[in-house]
Amino acid sequence: MGRVIVHLDGKPKDGAFAAIISGYQNRVRSRGISVHFSKTTDRSKYESELSNLSGHLVLLDEEGVGMTSEEVAKWLKSANIDDKTTNLAVGPPDGFSKEMKKSADHIISLSQLTLAHEMAAALLLEQLYRASEINRGSPYHRT
């Protein structure tokens, strides 16, 4: 069974976002999704860390493919049954380099809007929680 790891460029500096991220981090942990906070805030070092990971690398970027919550749920279900780890990476404040984008297995978008990376992290974790609830058949996601 594949693992899903969310990689974030450092710990959130804004207390409100830190609380939201922590709350959803606790919710998704029981669903087999973990969160890793990079200890560096240097883009090239962060990208180097990501490049050395084993498994699939999925970048979050505004230029990526958009997905509905139901599509995220289907994707999450397939990632959970894959034999490789799936690494979801939220970009640094200035975004990922072109080289990094070329090396990724997939690039997905949370919105056509440009989001602060801390907001993107909070939104991603909420959507992963929502996807896991959709897959469980819970009423959290009302259609």
Protein backbone atom coordinates (compact mmCIF):
# COMPACT_ATOMS: atom_id res chain seq x y z
CA MET A 1 0.00 0.00 0.00
CA GLY A 2 1.39 3.37 -1.04
CA ARG A 3 2.02 6.21 1.33
CA VAL A 4 1.19 9.83 0.66
CA ILE A 5 3.55 12.46 2.06
CA VAL A 6 2.88 16.18 1.83
CA HIS A 7 6.08 18.25 1.69
CA LEU A 8 6.01 21.87 2.79
CA ASP A 9 8.70 24.50 2.40
CA GLY A 10 9.35 25.17 6.08
CA LYS A 11 6.98 25.57 8.99
CA PRO A 12 4.20 28.15 8.63
CA LYS A 13 5.13 31.54 10.03
CA ASP A 14 1.57 32.85 10.22
CA GLY A 15 -0.11 31.53 13.37
CA ALA A 16 -3.57 31.28 11.80
CA PHE A 17 -2.28 29.14 8.93
CA ALA A 18 -0.16 27.08 11.33
CA ALA A 19 -3.30 26.24 13.33
CA ILE A 20 -5.26 25.24 10.23
CA ILE A 21 -2.39 23.13 8.87
CA SER A 22 -1.89 21.46 12.25
CA GLY A 23 -5.60 20.69 12.55
CA TYR A 24 -5.82 19.03 9.15
CA GLN A 25 -2.45 17.35 9.66
CA ASN A 26 -3.98 15.61 12.70
CA ARG A 27 -7.07 14.61 10.70
CA VAL A 28 -5.19 13.12 7.74
CA ARG A 29 -2.59 11.30 9.84
CA SER A 30 -5.10 8.55 10.64
CA ARG A 31 -5.72 8.20 6.88
CA GLY A 32 -2.09 7.34 6.15
CA ILE A 33 -1.11 10.82 4.99
CA SER A 34 1.88 12.44 6.65
CA VAL A 35 3.28 15.95 6.48
CA HIS A 36 6.97 16.79 6.25
CA PHE A 37 8.23 20.31 6.92
CA SER A 38 11.50 21.10 5.17
CA LYS A 39 14.12 22.57 7.45
CA THR A 40 15.41 24.85 4.70
CA THR A 41 13.80 27.92 3.21
CA ASP A 42 16.23 28.04 0.28
CA ARG A 43 14.42 27.07 -2.94
CA SER A 44 17.36 25.22 -4.49
CA LYS A 45 17.93 23.18 -1.31
CA TYR A 46 14.21 22.41 -1.02
CA GLU A 47 14.08 21.31 -4.65
CA SER A 48 17.21 19.20 -4.12
CA GLU A 49 15.52 17.47 -1.17
CA LEU A 50 12.46 16.77 -3.31
CA SER A 51 14.55 15.49 -6.24
CA ASN A 52 16.17 12.89 -3.99
CA LEU A 53 12.89 11.38 -2.81
CA SER A 54 11.87 7.91 -3.95
CA GLY A 55 8.44 7.36 -5.43
CA HIS A 56 6.18 9.68 -7.40
CA LEU A 57 6.65 13.44 -7.22
CA VAL A 58 3.56 15.61 -7.63
CA LEU A 59 4.02 19.37 -7.53
CA LEU A 60 1.34 21.89 -6.65
CA ASP A 61 1.46 24.79 -9.06
CA GLU A 62 -1.09 27.23 -10.46
CA GLU A 63 -0.19 26.06 -13.98
CA GLY A 64 -1.01 22.43 -13.17
CA VAL A 65 -4.10 20.39 -13.99
CA GLY A 66 -7.19 21.38 -12.00
CA MET A 67 -9.22 18.71 -10.21
CA THR A 68 -12.60 18.55 -8.52
CA SER A 69 -12.85 17.17 -4.99
CA GLU A 70 -14.28 13.93 -6.40
CA GLU A 71 -11.31 13.65 -8.79
CA VAL A 72 -8.92 14.20 -5.87
CA ALA A 73 -10.71 11.37 -4.03
CA LYS A 74 -10.23 9.00 -6.99
CA TRP A 75 -6.60 10.07 -7.29
CA LEU A 76 -6.03 9.53 -3.55
CA LYS A 77 -7.58 6.08 -3.71
CA SER A 78 -5.24 5.10 -6.56
CA ALA A 79 -2.22 6.60 -4.74
CA ASN A 80 -3.09 4.54 -1.66
CA ILE A 81 -3.12 1.28 -3.61
CA ASP A 82 0.05 2.08 -5.57
CA ASP A 83 3.18 0.31 -4.37
CA LYS A 84 5.22 3.52 -4.42
CA THR A 85 5.16 6.53 -2.13
CA THR A 86 3.49 9.62 -3.55
CA ASN A 87 5.18 12.88 -2.57
CA LEU A 88 2.99 15.98 -2.88
CA ALA A 89 5.04 19.16 -2.72
CA VAL A 90 3.77 22.67 -2.08
CA GLY A 91 6.11 25.16 -3.65
CA PRO A 92 8.24 27.75 -2.00
CA PRO A 93 7.01 31.37 -1.98
CA ASP A 94 8.56 32.08 -5.39
CA GLY A 95 7.31 28.83 -6.91
CA PHE A 96 9.19 25.89 -8.38
CA SER A 97 11.89 26.28 -11.00
CA LYS A 98 11.23 25.26 -14.60
CA GLU A 99 13.70 22.39 -14.16
CA MET A 100 11.83 21.10 -11.14
CA LYS A 101 8.52 21.25 -12.98
CA LYS A 102 10.04 19.23 -15.85
CA SER A 103 11.24 16.52 -13.46
CA ALA A 104 7.87 16.05 -11.70
CA ASP A 105 5.63 13.08 -12.45
CA HIS A 106 2.54 15.30 -12.30
CA ILE A 107 1.67 18.92 -11.66
CA ILE A 108 -1.71 19.75 -10.20
CA SER A 109 -3.38 23.05 -9.40
CA LEU A 110 -5.54 23.87 -6.41
CA SER A 111 -6.80 27.03 -8.08
CA GLN A 112 -6.22 29.26 -11.06
CA LEU A 113 -5.52 31.95 -8.49
CA THR A 114 -2.04 32.48 -7.15
CA LEU A 115 -2.08 31.41 -3.50
CA ALA A 116 0.37 32.10 -0.71
CA HIS A 117 2.22 28.82 -0.10
CA GLU A 118 0.86 28.59 3.46
CA MET A 119 -2.68 29.01 2.15
CA ALA A 120 -2.01 26.40 -0.53
CA ALA A 121 -0.75 23.99 2.14
CA ALA A 122 -3.90 24.49 4.24
CA LEU A 123 -6.14 24.07 1.19
CA LEU A 124 -4.29 20.93 0.06
CA LEU A 125 -4.59 19.29 3.47
CA GLU A 126 -8.30 20.13 3.66
CA GLN A 127 -8.85 18.64 0.20
CA LEU A 128 -6.93 15.48 1.14
CA TYR A 129 -9.10 15.15 4.24
CA ARG A 130 -12.22 15.77 2.14
CA ALA A 131 -11.05 13.17 -0.40
CA SER A 132 -10.54 10.60 2.33
CA GLU A 133 -14.03 11.36 3.66
CA ILE A 134 -15.51 10.98 0.16
CA ASN A 135 -13.78 7.61 -0.11
CA ARG A 136 -15.20 6.59 3.28
CA GLY A 137 -18.71 7.68 2.25
CA SER A 138 -19.02 10.17 5.10
CA PRO A 139 -21.38 13.17 4.94
CA TYR A 140 -18.45 15.63 5.28
CA HIS A 141 -18.58 16.23 1.52
CA ARG A 142 -22.10 17.12 0.54
CA THR A 143 -22.88 16.92 -3.15
